[in-house]
Amino acid sequence: MFRMRVAGLDPWWRVSAWAARARYLARRLGACLAAGTVAFVAVSGCSRSGAGEQPPVPNWSNPIGGRVEASLAAAQVHMPFHVRSLRTFSRPWRILETPGGAPASRIVVLQYRMSSGLVDVYEETPQVSLSEFRKVIASWVALNGQAGTSGTSTAVMLRGKYAALMTTTADGRRSDIRWIQAGVEYTIRGPSLAKQDCLHFANELAS
């Protein structure tokens, strides 16, 4: 699965078992805090790995296993929301979308190229409400520095009105950011995306 949806955790933000919350994060967040044997894997989320094992290398070129669309207009036909692009770039380098499925489950990824590497902008229909998402942010920020965790989670505000969650790997080399805006969930990540780049691009979209 390129993006695993969680079933049976209702309401998932109140699940008391730390492992259950880690499983949720593993499926929904890229650069993340992980518990026990849950290790950071990047684009496809976190996954379990045994002692001494290395997590699989993510497929940054096509993180959703999607099909390539010729243009924003072509991708827009299949999306139930308005697809937005970054103004920093004249156009996306490549556009990926998940084929078929219900409209609410479709994901589009606009890929851009910088000198430091790819920037992937995910756009999809949120699976949680804004209030639920804020609880997730608070929950994961509270886990910073606790035993059995790695990396950091940071709560940020975009344009002073959108609550966002930024996560950063333990070595500080890679961050990603996620927020919900006007009925669309956005995630920005990349193989070497720095904190300042996350904030710059997120604030650009959060108009």
N, C-alpha and C. Protein backbone atom coordinates (compact mmCIF):
# COMPACT_ATOMS: atom_id res chain seq x y z
N MET A 1 0.84 -1.19 0.00
CA MET A 1 0.00 0.00 0.00
C MET A 1 0.88 1.24 0.00
N PHE A 2 0.54 2.23 -0.85
CA PHE A 2 1.31 3.44 -0.86
C PHE A 2 0.88 4.39 0.25
N ARG A 3 -0.40 4.35 0.65
CA ARG A 3 -0.88 5.20 1.74
C ARG A 3 -1.95 4.41 2.49
N MET A 4 -1.60 3.85 3.59
CA MET A 4 -2.52 2.98 4.32
C MET A 4 -3.47 3.79 5.16
N ARG A 5 -4.76 3.59 4.99
CA ARG A 5 -5.75 4.24 5.83
C ARG A 5 -5.97 3.41 7.09
N VAL A 6 -6.27 4.07 8.16
CA VAL A 6 -6.45 3.38 9.43
C VAL A 6 -7.90 2.97 9.61
N ALA A 7 -8.11 1.74 10.00
CA ALA A 7 -9.46 1.26 10.28
C ALA A 7 -9.52 0.78 11.72
N GLY A 8 -10.67 0.95 12.35
CA GLY A 8 -10.86 0.38 13.67
C GLY A 8 -10.34 1.22 14.82
N LEU A 9 -9.80 2.43 14.55
CA LEU A 9 -9.35 3.29 15.62
C LEU A 9 -10.32 4.46 15.71
N ASP A 10 -11.36 4.32 16.49
CA ASP A 10 -12.42 5.32 16.50
C ASP A 10 -12.82 5.66 17.94
N PRO A 11 -12.55 6.87 18.43
CA PRO A 11 -11.75 7.89 17.77
C PRO A 11 -10.27 7.62 17.97
N TRP A 12 -9.46 7.66 16.90
CA TRP A 12 -8.07 7.21 16.97
C TRP A 12 -7.20 8.11 17.83
N TRP A 13 -7.52 9.40 17.98
CA TRP A 13 -6.62 10.26 18.76
C TRP A 13 -6.72 10.01 20.25
N ARG A 14 -7.72 9.20 20.69
CA ARG A 14 -7.85 8.92 22.12
C ARG A 14 -7.37 7.52 22.48
N VAL A 15 -6.83 6.79 21.52
CA VAL A 15 -6.34 5.45 21.82
C VAL A 15 -5.22 5.55 22.83
N SER A 16 -5.35 4.82 23.94
CA SER A 16 -4.37 4.97 25.01
C SER A 16 -3.06 4.27 24.73
N ALA A 17 -3.09 3.21 23.93
CA ALA A 17 -1.86 2.46 23.67
C ALA A 17 -0.93 3.29 22.79
N TRP A 18 0.29 3.50 23.28
CA TRP A 18 1.27 4.27 22.51
C TRP A 18 1.52 3.62 21.17
N ALA A 19 1.58 2.30 21.15
CA ALA A 19 1.86 1.59 19.90
C ALA A 19 0.79 1.86 18.86
N ALA A 20 -0.45 1.96 19.30
CA ALA A 20 -1.54 2.23 18.35
C ALA A 20 -1.37 3.60 17.72
N ARG A 21 -0.98 4.58 18.53
CA ARG A 21 -0.75 5.91 17.98
C ARG A 21 0.46 5.90 17.05
N ALA A 22 1.46 5.10 17.39
CA ALA A 22 2.63 5.01 16.53
C ALA A 22 2.24 4.40 15.19
N ARG A 23 1.35 3.41 15.22
CA ARG A 23 0.91 2.80 13.97
C ARG A 23 0.17 3.82 13.13
N TYR A 24 -0.64 4.66 13.78
CA TYR A 24 -1.34 5.70 13.03
C TYR A 24 -0.33 6.64 12.37
N LEU A 25 0.64 7.08 13.16
CA LEU A 25 1.64 8.00 12.62
C LEU A 25 2.42 7.34 11.51
N ALA A 26 2.71 6.05 11.67
CA ALA A 26 3.46 5.34 10.65
C ALA A 26 2.74 5.36 9.32
N ARG A 27 1.43 5.40 9.36
CA ARG A 27 0.67 5.36 8.13
C ARG A 27 0.37 6.74 7.58
N ARG A 28 0.44 7.76 8.42
CA ARG A 28 0.01 9.08 7.98
C ARG A 28 1.14 10.11 7.86
N LEU A 29 2.27 9.89 8.53
CA LEU A 29 3.31 10.90 8.51
C LEU A 29 4.59 10.35 7.94
N GLY A 30 5.34 11.21 7.28
CA GLY A 30 6.59 10.79 6.66
C GLY A 30 7.74 10.85 7.63
N ALA A 31 8.34 12.01 7.85
CA ALA A 31 9.40 12.16 8.84
C ALA A 31 8.70 12.21 10.18
N CYS A 32 8.97 11.24 11.09
CA CYS A 32 8.10 11.17 12.25
C CYS A 32 8.82 10.69 13.50
N LEU A 33 8.11 10.84 14.61
CA LEU A 33 8.54 10.23 15.85
C LEU A 33 8.10 8.78 15.82
N ALA A 34 8.96 7.87 16.29
CA ALA A 34 8.63 6.47 16.22
C ALA A 34 8.88 5.81 17.56
N ALA A 35 8.09 4.81 17.87
CA ALA A 35 8.22 4.14 19.15
C ALA A 35 8.70 2.72 18.96
N GLY A 36 9.54 2.26 19.91
CA GLY A 36 9.97 0.87 19.89
C GLY A 36 10.64 0.51 18.58
N THR A 37 10.07 -0.49 17.87
CA THR A 37 10.67 -0.95 16.63
C THR A 37 10.09 -0.25 15.42
N VAL A 38 9.27 0.78 15.63
CA VAL A 38 8.75 1.52 14.49
C VAL A 38 9.81 2.51 14.06
N ALA A 39 10.30 2.39 12.85
CA ALA A 39 11.43 3.22 12.40
C ALA A 39 11.03 4.17 11.29
N PHE A 40 11.80 5.23 11.15
CA PHE A 40 11.50 6.22 10.12
C PHE A 40 11.77 5.67 8.74
N VAL A 41 10.78 5.84 7.87
CA VAL A 41 10.97 5.42 6.47
C VAL A 41 10.68 6.56 5.50
N ALA A 42 10.44 7.63 5.54
CA ALA A 42 10.12 8.70 4.62
C ALA A 42 8.80 8.56 3.92
N VAL A 43 8.78 8.65 2.62
CA VAL A 43 7.53 8.94 1.91
C VAL A 43 6.40 8.00 2.22
N SER A 44 6.63 6.72 2.23
CA SER A 44 5.53 5.78 2.45
C SER A 44 5.14 5.69 3.91
N GLY A 45 5.76 6.47 4.77
CA GLY A 45 5.45 6.46 6.19
C GLY A 45 6.49 5.68 6.96
N CYS A 46 6.23 5.44 8.22
CA CYS A 46 7.14 4.67 9.05
C CYS A 46 6.75 3.21 9.01
N SER A 47 7.70 2.34 9.25
CA SER A 47 7.39 0.92 9.26
C SER A 47 8.21 0.24 10.33
N ARG A 48 7.82 -0.98 10.67
CA ARG A 48 8.55 -1.71 11.68
C ARG A 48 9.82 -2.30 11.09
N SER A 49 10.87 -2.30 11.91
CA SER A 49 12.11 -2.94 11.50
C SER A 49 12.75 -3.54 12.74
N GLY A 50 13.32 -4.70 12.60
CA GLY A 50 13.95 -5.36 13.73
C GLY A 50 15.28 -4.72 14.07
N ALA A 51 15.88 -5.17 15.17
CA ALA A 51 17.15 -4.62 15.60
C ALA A 51 18.20 -4.78 14.51
N GLY A 52 18.88 -3.71 14.17
CA GLY A 52 19.94 -3.77 13.19
C GLY A 52 19.46 -3.71 11.76
N GLU A 53 18.14 -3.77 11.52
CA GLU A 53 17.63 -3.72 10.16
C GLU A 53 17.52 -2.28 9.70
N GLN A 54 17.72 -2.06 8.42
CA GLN A 54 17.55 -0.74 7.84
C GLN A 54 16.19 -0.66 7.16
N PRO A 55 15.45 0.42 7.38
CA PRO A 55 14.17 0.57 6.71
C PRO A 55 14.36 0.66 5.21
N PRO A 56 13.38 0.25 4.42
CA PRO A 56 13.52 0.31 2.97
C PRO A 56 13.68 1.73 2.48
N VAL A 57 14.41 1.89 1.39
CA VAL A 57 14.60 3.20 0.81
C VAL A 57 13.33 3.61 0.08
N PRO A 58 12.79 4.78 0.38
CA PRO A 58 11.54 5.20 -0.27
C PRO A 58 11.74 5.48 -1.74
N ASN A 59 10.68 5.34 -2.50
CA ASN A 59 10.72 5.66 -3.92
C ASN A 59 10.35 7.13 -4.08
N TRP A 60 11.32 7.99 -3.96
CA TRP A 60 11.04 9.42 -4.01
C TRP A 60 10.51 9.85 -5.37
N SER A 61 10.89 9.17 -6.43
CA SER A 61 10.45 9.58 -7.76
C SER A 61 8.96 9.33 -7.99
N ASN A 62 8.40 8.33 -7.28
CA ASN A 62 6.96 8.07 -7.40
C ASN A 62 6.46 7.51 -6.08
N PRO A 63 6.31 8.36 -5.07
CA PRO A 63 6.00 7.90 -3.72
C PRO A 63 4.62 7.30 -3.55
N ILE A 64 3.70 7.55 -4.47
CA ILE A 64 2.35 6.99 -4.34
C ILE A 64 2.09 5.86 -5.34
N GLY A 65 3.10 5.50 -6.11
CA GLY A 65 2.89 4.47 -7.11
C GLY A 65 1.81 4.88 -8.11
N GLY A 66 1.79 6.17 -8.42
CA GLY A 66 0.72 6.71 -9.25
C GLY A 66 1.08 6.80 -10.72
N ARG A 67 0.12 7.25 -11.49
CA ARG A 67 0.35 7.45 -12.91
C ARG A 67 0.72 8.91 -13.16
N VAL A 68 1.44 9.13 -14.23
CA VAL A 68 1.88 10.48 -14.57
C VAL A 68 0.81 11.17 -15.41
N GLU A 69 0.46 12.38 -15.02
CA GLU A 69 -0.49 13.18 -15.78
C GLU A 69 0.25 14.23 -16.60
N ALA A 70 -0.31 14.59 -17.75
CA ALA A 70 0.36 15.49 -18.67
C ALA A 70 0.33 16.94 -18.20
N SER A 71 -0.67 17.30 -17.41
CA SER A 71 -0.82 18.69 -17.01
C SER A 71 -1.67 18.81 -15.76
N LEU A 72 -1.66 20.00 -15.15
CA LEU A 72 -2.54 20.26 -14.01
C LEU A 72 -4.00 20.10 -14.41
N ALA A 73 -4.34 20.56 -15.59
CA ALA A 73 -5.73 20.46 -16.05
C ALA A 73 -6.16 19.00 -16.17
N ALA A 74 -5.27 18.14 -16.64
CA ALA A 74 -5.59 16.73 -16.78
C ALA A 74 -5.77 16.08 -15.42
N ALA A 75 -4.93 16.45 -14.45
CA ALA A 75 -5.06 15.90 -13.11
C ALA A 75 -6.32 16.41 -12.43
N GLN A 76 -6.64 17.67 -12.66
CA GLN A 76 -7.80 18.28 -12.02
C GLN A 76 -9.10 17.54 -12.33
N VAL A 77 -9.19 16.98 -13.51
CA VAL A 77 -10.40 16.26 -13.92
C VAL A 77 -10.74 15.14 -12.95
N HIS A 78 -9.73 14.52 -12.35
CA HIS A 78 -9.94 13.36 -11.50
C HIS A 78 -9.98 13.68 -10.01
N MET A 79 -9.75 14.94 -9.64
CA MET A 79 -9.68 15.31 -8.23
C MET A 79 -10.96 16.03 -7.78
N PRO A 80 -11.46 15.73 -6.58
CA PRO A 80 -12.69 16.36 -6.10
C PRO A 80 -12.46 17.72 -5.44
N PHE A 81 -11.27 18.27 -5.57
CA PHE A 81 -10.93 19.56 -4.99
C PHE A 81 -10.04 20.31 -5.97
N HIS A 82 -9.87 21.61 -5.71
CA HIS A 82 -9.02 22.41 -6.59
C HIS A 82 -7.55 22.10 -6.32
N VAL A 83 -6.83 21.69 -7.35
CA VAL A 83 -5.41 21.37 -7.23
C VAL A 83 -4.62 22.67 -7.35
N ARG A 84 -3.73 22.89 -6.38
CA ARG A 84 -2.97 24.13 -6.34
C ARG A 84 -1.48 23.85 -6.52
N SER A 85 -0.79 24.75 -7.22
CA SER A 85 0.64 24.59 -7.46
C SER A 85 1.43 25.68 -6.75
N LEU A 86 2.71 25.45 -6.57
CA LEU A 86 3.60 26.40 -5.92
C LEU A 86 3.98 27.52 -6.90
N ARG A 87 3.89 28.77 -6.42
CA ARG A 87 4.23 29.90 -7.28
C ARG A 87 5.75 30.04 -7.47
N THR A 88 6.52 29.46 -6.57
CA THR A 88 7.98 29.56 -6.68
C THR A 88 8.48 28.99 -8.00
N PHE A 89 7.78 27.99 -8.49
CA PHE A 89 8.20 27.30 -9.71
C PHE A 89 7.25 27.65 -10.86
N SER A 90 7.78 27.71 -12.07
CA SER A 90 6.94 28.03 -13.21
C SER A 90 5.88 26.97 -13.45
N ARG A 91 6.23 25.72 -13.15
CA ARG A 91 5.29 24.61 -13.29
C ARG A 91 5.87 23.39 -12.60
N PRO A 92 5.04 22.41 -12.25
CA PRO A 92 5.58 21.18 -11.65
C PRO A 92 6.46 20.44 -12.66
N TRP A 93 7.48 19.79 -12.13
CA TRP A 93 8.32 18.95 -12.97
C TRP A 93 7.54 17.73 -13.43
N ARG A 94 6.74 17.18 -12.51
CA ARG A 94 5.92 16.02 -12.84
C ARG A 94 4.70 16.01 -11.94
N ILE A 95 3.61 15.45 -12.46
CA ILE A 95 2.37 15.34 -11.70
C ILE A 95 1.96 13.89 -11.63
N LEU A 96 1.74 13.39 -10.41
CA LEU A 96 1.35 12.00 -10.19
C LEU A 96 -0.03 11.96 -9.55
N GLU A 97 -0.82 10.97 -9.89
CA GLU A 97 -2.09 10.80 -9.21
C GLU A 97 -2.41 9.33 -9.06
N THR A 98 -3.18 9.02 -8.03
CA THR A 98 -3.58 7.65 -7.81
C THR A 98 -4.71 7.31 -8.77
N PRO A 99 -4.58 6.24 -9.51
CA PRO A 99 -5.61 5.88 -10.49
C PRO A 99 -6.83 5.24 -9.84
N GLY A 100 -8.01 5.52 -10.40
CA GLY A 100 -9.24 4.85 -9.95
C GLY A 100 -9.57 5.18 -8.51
N GLY A 101 -10.45 4.36 -7.95
CA GLY A 101 -10.86 4.55 -6.57
C GLY A 101 -11.88 5.65 -6.41
N ALA A 102 -12.46 5.73 -5.22
CA ALA A 102 -13.44 6.77 -4.93
C ALA A 102 -12.77 8.13 -4.94
N PRO A 103 -13.45 9.17 -5.37
CA PRO A 103 -12.84 10.51 -5.42
C PRO A 103 -12.21 10.94 -4.10
N ALA A 104 -12.86 10.62 -2.97
CA ALA A 104 -12.35 11.04 -1.67
C ALA A 104 -11.06 10.35 -1.29
N SER A 105 -10.69 9.28 -1.97
CA SER A 105 -9.47 8.54 -1.64
C SER A 105 -8.32 8.86 -2.60
N ARG A 106 -8.55 9.72 -3.56
CA ARG A 106 -7.53 10.01 -4.56
C ARG A 106 -6.50 11.01 -4.03
N ILE A 107 -5.28 10.83 -4.47
CA ILE A 107 -4.17 11.69 -4.07
C ILE A 107 -3.46 12.19 -5.32
N VAL A 108 -3.11 13.46 -5.31
CA VAL A 108 -2.28 14.00 -6.38
C VAL A 108 -0.99 14.51 -5.75
N VAL A 109 0.13 14.26 -6.41
CA VAL A 109 1.43 14.73 -5.95
C VAL A 109 2.05 15.58 -7.05
N LEU A 110 2.30 16.83 -6.73
CA LEU A 110 3.00 17.71 -7.65
C LEU A 110 4.47 17.72 -7.26
N GLN A 111 5.31 17.32 -8.19
CA GLN A 111 6.74 17.22 -7.91
C GLN A 111 7.49 18.39 -8.54
N TYR A 112 8.41 18.94 -7.75
CA TYR A 112 9.24 20.05 -8.21
C TYR A 112 10.70 19.67 -7.97
N ARG A 113 11.57 20.28 -8.74
CA ARG A 113 12.99 20.00 -8.58
C ARG A 113 13.75 21.25 -8.15
N MET A 114 14.52 21.08 -7.06
CA MET A 114 15.45 22.11 -6.62
C MET A 114 16.86 21.54 -6.75
N SER A 115 17.85 22.39 -6.58
CA SER A 115 19.23 21.92 -6.65
C SER A 115 19.52 20.90 -5.56
N SER A 116 18.79 21.00 -4.43
CA SER A 116 19.01 20.08 -3.31
C SER A 116 18.20 18.80 -3.42
N GLY A 117 17.29 18.72 -4.40
CA GLY A 117 16.52 17.49 -4.57
C GLY A 117 15.05 17.77 -4.84
N LEU A 118 14.26 16.70 -4.83
CA LEU A 118 12.84 16.79 -5.13
C LEU A 118 12.04 17.43 -3.99
N VAL A 119 10.97 18.09 -4.38
CA VAL A 119 9.97 18.58 -3.44
C VAL A 119 8.64 17.96 -3.88
N ASP A 120 8.04 17.16 -3.03
CA ASP A 120 6.76 16.51 -3.33
C ASP A 120 5.65 17.19 -2.54
N VAL A 121 4.65 17.68 -3.24
CA VAL A 121 3.50 18.30 -2.60
C VAL A 121 2.29 17.40 -2.80
N TYR A 122 1.83 16.80 -1.69
CA TYR A 122 0.66 15.92 -1.72
C TYR A 122 -0.59 16.74 -1.48
N GLU A 123 -1.66 16.44 -2.21
CA GLU A 123 -2.95 17.07 -1.98
C GLU A 123 -4.01 15.98 -2.01
N GLU A 124 -4.88 15.98 -1.00
CA GLU A 124 -5.89 14.93 -0.89
C GLU A 124 -7.03 15.39 0.01
N THR A 125 -8.10 14.64 0.00
CA THR A 125 -9.23 14.91 0.88
C THR A 125 -8.87 14.48 2.29
N PRO A 126 -9.05 15.32 3.29
CA PRO A 126 -8.70 14.94 4.67
C PRO A 126 -9.53 13.75 5.15
N GLN A 127 -8.91 12.91 5.94
CA GLN A 127 -9.61 11.78 6.55
C GLN A 127 -10.02 12.07 7.99
N VAL A 128 -9.64 13.25 8.48
CA VAL A 128 -9.98 13.66 9.84
C VAL A 128 -10.44 15.11 9.81
N SER A 129 -11.09 15.55 10.89
CA SER A 129 -11.54 16.93 10.98
C SER A 129 -10.40 17.82 11.46
N LEU A 130 -10.60 19.13 11.36
CA LEU A 130 -9.59 20.07 11.84
C LEU A 130 -9.33 19.92 13.33
N SER A 131 -10.40 19.75 14.11
CA SER A 131 -10.23 19.61 15.56
C SER A 131 -9.47 18.33 15.89
N GLU A 132 -9.74 17.27 15.16
CA GLU A 132 -9.02 16.01 15.38
C GLU A 132 -7.54 16.18 15.02
N PHE A 133 -7.30 16.87 13.93
CA PHE A 133 -5.92 17.07 13.51
C PHE A 133 -5.14 17.88 14.54
N ARG A 134 -5.77 18.89 15.13
CA ARG A 134 -5.10 19.68 16.16
C ARG A 134 -4.73 18.82 17.36
N LYS A 135 -5.58 17.85 17.69
CA LYS A 135 -5.27 16.94 18.79
C LYS A 135 -4.08 16.05 18.45
N VAL A 136 -3.99 15.66 17.19
CA VAL A 136 -2.83 14.87 16.76
C VAL A 136 -1.56 15.70 16.94
N ILE A 137 -1.60 16.94 16.52
CA ILE A 137 -0.43 17.82 16.65
C ILE A 137 0.01 17.90 18.11
N ALA A 138 -0.93 18.21 18.99
CA ALA A 138 -0.60 18.34 20.41
C ALA A 138 -0.06 17.04 20.98
N SER A 139 -0.66 15.92 20.58
CA SER A 139 -0.24 14.62 21.09
C SER A 139 1.19 14.31 20.71
N TRP A 140 1.56 14.59 19.46
CA TRP A 140 2.90 14.21 19.02
C TRP A 140 3.97 15.20 19.45
N VAL A 141 3.62 16.45 19.59
CA VAL A 141 4.58 17.40 20.14
C VAL A 141 4.92 17.02 21.58
N ALA A 142 3.92 16.52 22.31
CA ALA A 142 4.12 16.13 23.71
C ALA A 142 5.06 14.94 23.84
N LEU A 143 5.28 14.19 22.77
CA LEU A 143 6.15 13.02 22.82
C LEU A 143 7.62 13.35 22.59
N ASN A 144 7.92 14.58 22.24
CA ASN A 144 9.31 14.94 21.98
C ASN A 144 10.20 14.63 23.19
N GLY A 145 11.31 13.95 22.92
CA GLY A 145 12.28 13.67 23.96
C GLY A 145 11.98 12.48 24.84
N GLN A 146 10.84 11.85 24.64
CA GLN A 146 10.51 10.69 25.47
C GLN A 146 11.30 9.47 25.04
N ALA A 147 11.52 8.57 25.98
CA ALA A 147 12.28 7.36 25.69
C ALA A 147 11.61 6.57 24.58
N GLY A 148 12.43 6.00 23.70
CA GLY A 148 11.91 5.19 22.61
C GLY A 148 11.45 5.99 21.42
N THR A 149 11.73 7.30 21.40
CA THR A 149 11.36 8.11 20.26
C THR A 149 12.60 8.69 19.59
N SER A 150 12.45 9.09 18.35
CA SER A 150 13.55 9.76 17.64
C SER A 150 12.96 10.85 16.77
N GLY A 151 13.74 11.86 16.49
CA GLY A 151 13.24 12.98 15.72
C GLY A 151 12.40 13.91 16.57
N THR A 152 11.87 14.95 15.95
CA THR A 152 11.07 15.92 16.68
C THR A 152 9.81 16.28 15.89
N SER A 153 8.78 16.66 16.62
CA SER A 153 7.55 17.18 16.02
C SER A 153 7.36 18.60 16.52
N THR A 154 6.96 19.49 15.63
CA THR A 154 6.80 20.90 15.97
C THR A 154 5.45 21.40 15.47
N ALA A 155 4.74 22.12 16.33
CA ALA A 155 3.49 22.75 15.93
C ALA A 155 3.80 24.14 15.39
N VAL A 156 3.31 24.44 14.20
CA VAL A 156 3.54 25.75 13.60
C VAL A 156 2.21 26.30 13.07
N MET A 157 2.15 27.60 12.89
CA MET A 157 0.98 28.24 12.29
C MET A 157 1.39 28.82 10.95
N LEU A 158 0.60 28.54 9.94
CA LEU A 158 0.86 29.06 8.61
C LEU A 158 -0.05 30.26 8.35
N ARG A 159 0.54 31.34 7.95
CA ARG A 159 -0.21 32.58 7.69
C ARG A 159 -1.03 33.01 8.90
N GLY A 160 -0.65 32.53 10.08
CA GLY A 160 -1.36 32.90 11.29
C GLY A 160 -2.74 32.30 11.43
N LYS A 161 -3.09 31.30 10.58
CA LYS A 161 -4.44 30.76 10.65
C LYS A 161 -4.56 29.26 10.42
N TYR A 162 -3.53 28.59 9.93
CA TYR A 162 -3.61 27.16 9.68
C TYR A 162 -2.64 26.41 10.59
N ALA A 163 -3.17 25.54 11.43
CA ALA A 163 -2.33 24.72 12.31
C ALA A 163 -1.64 23.64 11.49
N ALA A 164 -0.34 23.52 11.65
CA ALA A 164 0.42 22.55 10.87
C ALA A 164 1.35 21.76 11.78
N LEU A 165 1.70 20.57 11.34
CA LEU A 165 2.63 19.71 12.06
C LEU A 165 3.88 19.52 11.21
N MET A 166 5.01 19.94 11.75
CA MET A 166 6.28 19.71 11.08
C MET A 166 7.04 18.63 11.82
N THR A 167 7.55 17.67 11.10
CA THR A 167 8.35 16.61 11.71
C THR A 167 9.73 16.60 11.09
N THR A 168 10.73 16.30 11.91
CA THR A 168 12.12 16.35 11.48
C THR A 168 12.85 15.11 11.96
N THR A 169 13.66 14.55 11.12
CA THR A 169 14.42 13.36 11.48
C THR A 169 15.44 13.68 12.57
N ALA A 170 15.91 12.65 13.26
CA ALA A 170 16.83 12.84 14.39
C ALA A 170 18.11 13.56 13.98
N ASP A 171 18.57 13.33 12.76
CA ASP A 171 19.81 13.97 12.32
C ASP A 171 19.56 15.38 11.78
N GLY A 172 18.30 15.80 11.74
CA GLY A 172 17.98 17.15 11.31
C GLY A 172 18.08 17.39 9.82
N ARG A 173 18.30 16.34 9.06
CA ARG A 173 18.54 16.50 7.62
C ARG A 173 17.26 16.55 6.79
N ARG A 174 16.16 16.10 7.34
CA ARG A 174 14.95 16.04 6.53
C ARG A 174 13.73 16.38 7.38
N SER A 175 12.91 17.25 6.83
CA SER A 175 11.67 17.62 7.50
C SER A 175 10.51 17.50 6.53
N ASP A 176 9.31 17.40 7.08
CA ASP A 176 8.11 17.53 6.25
C ASP A 176 7.06 18.29 7.04
N ILE A 177 6.03 18.72 6.37
CA ILE A 177 5.00 19.53 7.01
C ILE A 177 3.63 19.14 6.46
N ARG A 178 2.63 19.17 7.34
CA ARG A 178 1.28 18.74 6.96
C ARG A 178 0.26 19.67 7.61
N TRP A 179 -0.78 20.01 6.85
CA TRP A 179 -1.86 20.82 7.39
C TRP A 179 -3.13 20.61 6.57
N ILE A 180 -4.25 21.11 7.11
CA ILE A 180 -5.53 21.03 6.42
C ILE A 180 -6.02 22.44 6.16
N GLN A 181 -6.45 22.67 4.94
CA GLN A 181 -6.85 24.02 4.53
C GLN A 181 -8.00 23.93 3.54
N ALA A 182 -9.13 24.55 3.85
CA ALA A 182 -10.26 24.64 2.93
C ALA A 182 -10.66 23.28 2.36
N GLY A 183 -10.71 22.27 3.22
CA GLY A 183 -11.15 20.96 2.79
C GLY A 183 -10.13 20.13 2.04
N VAL A 184 -8.86 20.55 2.08
CA VAL A 184 -7.79 19.79 1.42
C VAL A 184 -6.66 19.57 2.42
N GLU A 185 -6.12 18.38 2.44
CA GLU A 185 -4.96 18.07 3.28
C GLU A 185 -3.70 18.16 2.42
N TYR A 186 -2.75 18.96 2.88
CA TYR A 186 -1.49 19.15 2.16
C TYR A 186 -0.34 18.55 2.96
N THR A 187 0.58 17.94 2.25
CA THR A 187 1.82 17.47 2.85
C THR A 187 2.95 17.84 1.91
N ILE A 188 4.01 18.41 2.45
CA ILE A 188 5.18 18.75 1.66
C ILE A 188 6.37 18.01 2.23
N ARG A 189 7.08 17.29 1.40
CA ARG A 189 8.24 16.52 1.85
C ARG A 189 9.20 16.29 0.70
N GLY A 190 10.37 15.83 1.03
CA GLY A 190 11.38 15.55 0.01
C GLY A 190 12.56 14.84 0.63
N PRO A 191 13.43 14.25 -0.17
CA PRO A 191 14.54 13.46 0.37
C PRO A 191 15.56 14.28 1.14
N SER A 192 15.60 15.59 0.90
CA SER A 192 16.55 16.43 1.63
C SER A 192 15.94 17.79 1.92
N LEU A 193 14.66 17.81 2.21
CA LEU A 193 13.95 19.07 2.41
C LEU A 193 14.22 19.62 3.80
N ALA A 194 14.72 20.83 3.87
CA ALA A 194 15.07 21.47 5.14
C ALA A 194 13.85 22.14 5.76
N LYS A 195 13.94 22.44 7.05
CA LYS A 195 12.85 23.09 7.77
C LYS A 195 12.43 24.39 7.10
N GLN A 196 13.41 25.21 6.76
CA GLN A 196 13.08 26.51 6.20
C GLN A 196 12.38 26.39 4.86
N ASP A 197 12.73 25.35 4.10
CA ASP A 197 12.06 25.13 2.81
C ASP A 197 10.62 24.67 3.04
N CYS A 198 10.44 23.80 4.02
CA CYS A 198 9.07 23.37 4.36
C CYS A 198 8.18 24.56 4.67
N LEU A 199 8.67 25.43 5.53
CA LEU A 199 7.90 26.60 5.93
C LEU A 199 7.65 27.55 4.77
N HIS A 200 8.65 27.74 3.95
CA HIS A 200 8.52 28.64 2.81
C HIS A 200 7.43 28.14 1.86
N PHE A 201 7.51 26.89 1.47
CA PHE A 201 6.55 26.35 0.52
C PHE A 201 5.15 26.25 1.13
N ALA A 202 5.08 25.86 2.41
CA ALA A 202 3.79 25.75 3.06
C ALA A 202 3.09 27.10 3.15
N ASN A 203 3.83 28.13 3.53
CA ASN A 203 3.23 29.46 3.61
C ASN A 203 2.83 29.98 2.24
N GLU A 204 3.52 29.53 1.22
CA GLU A 204 3.15 29.92 -0.14
C GLU A 204 1.80 29.33 -0.53
N LEU A 205 1.56 28.08 -0.16
CA LEU A 205 0.29 27.44 -0.48
C LEU A 205 -0.82 27.90 0.46
N ALA A 206 -0.45 28.25 1.68
CA ALA A 206 -1.46 28.59 2.70
C ALA A 206 -1.90 30.04 2.57
N SER A 207 -2.42 30.40 1.42
CA SER A 207 -2.85 31.78 1.19
C SER A 207 -4.32 31.94 1.52
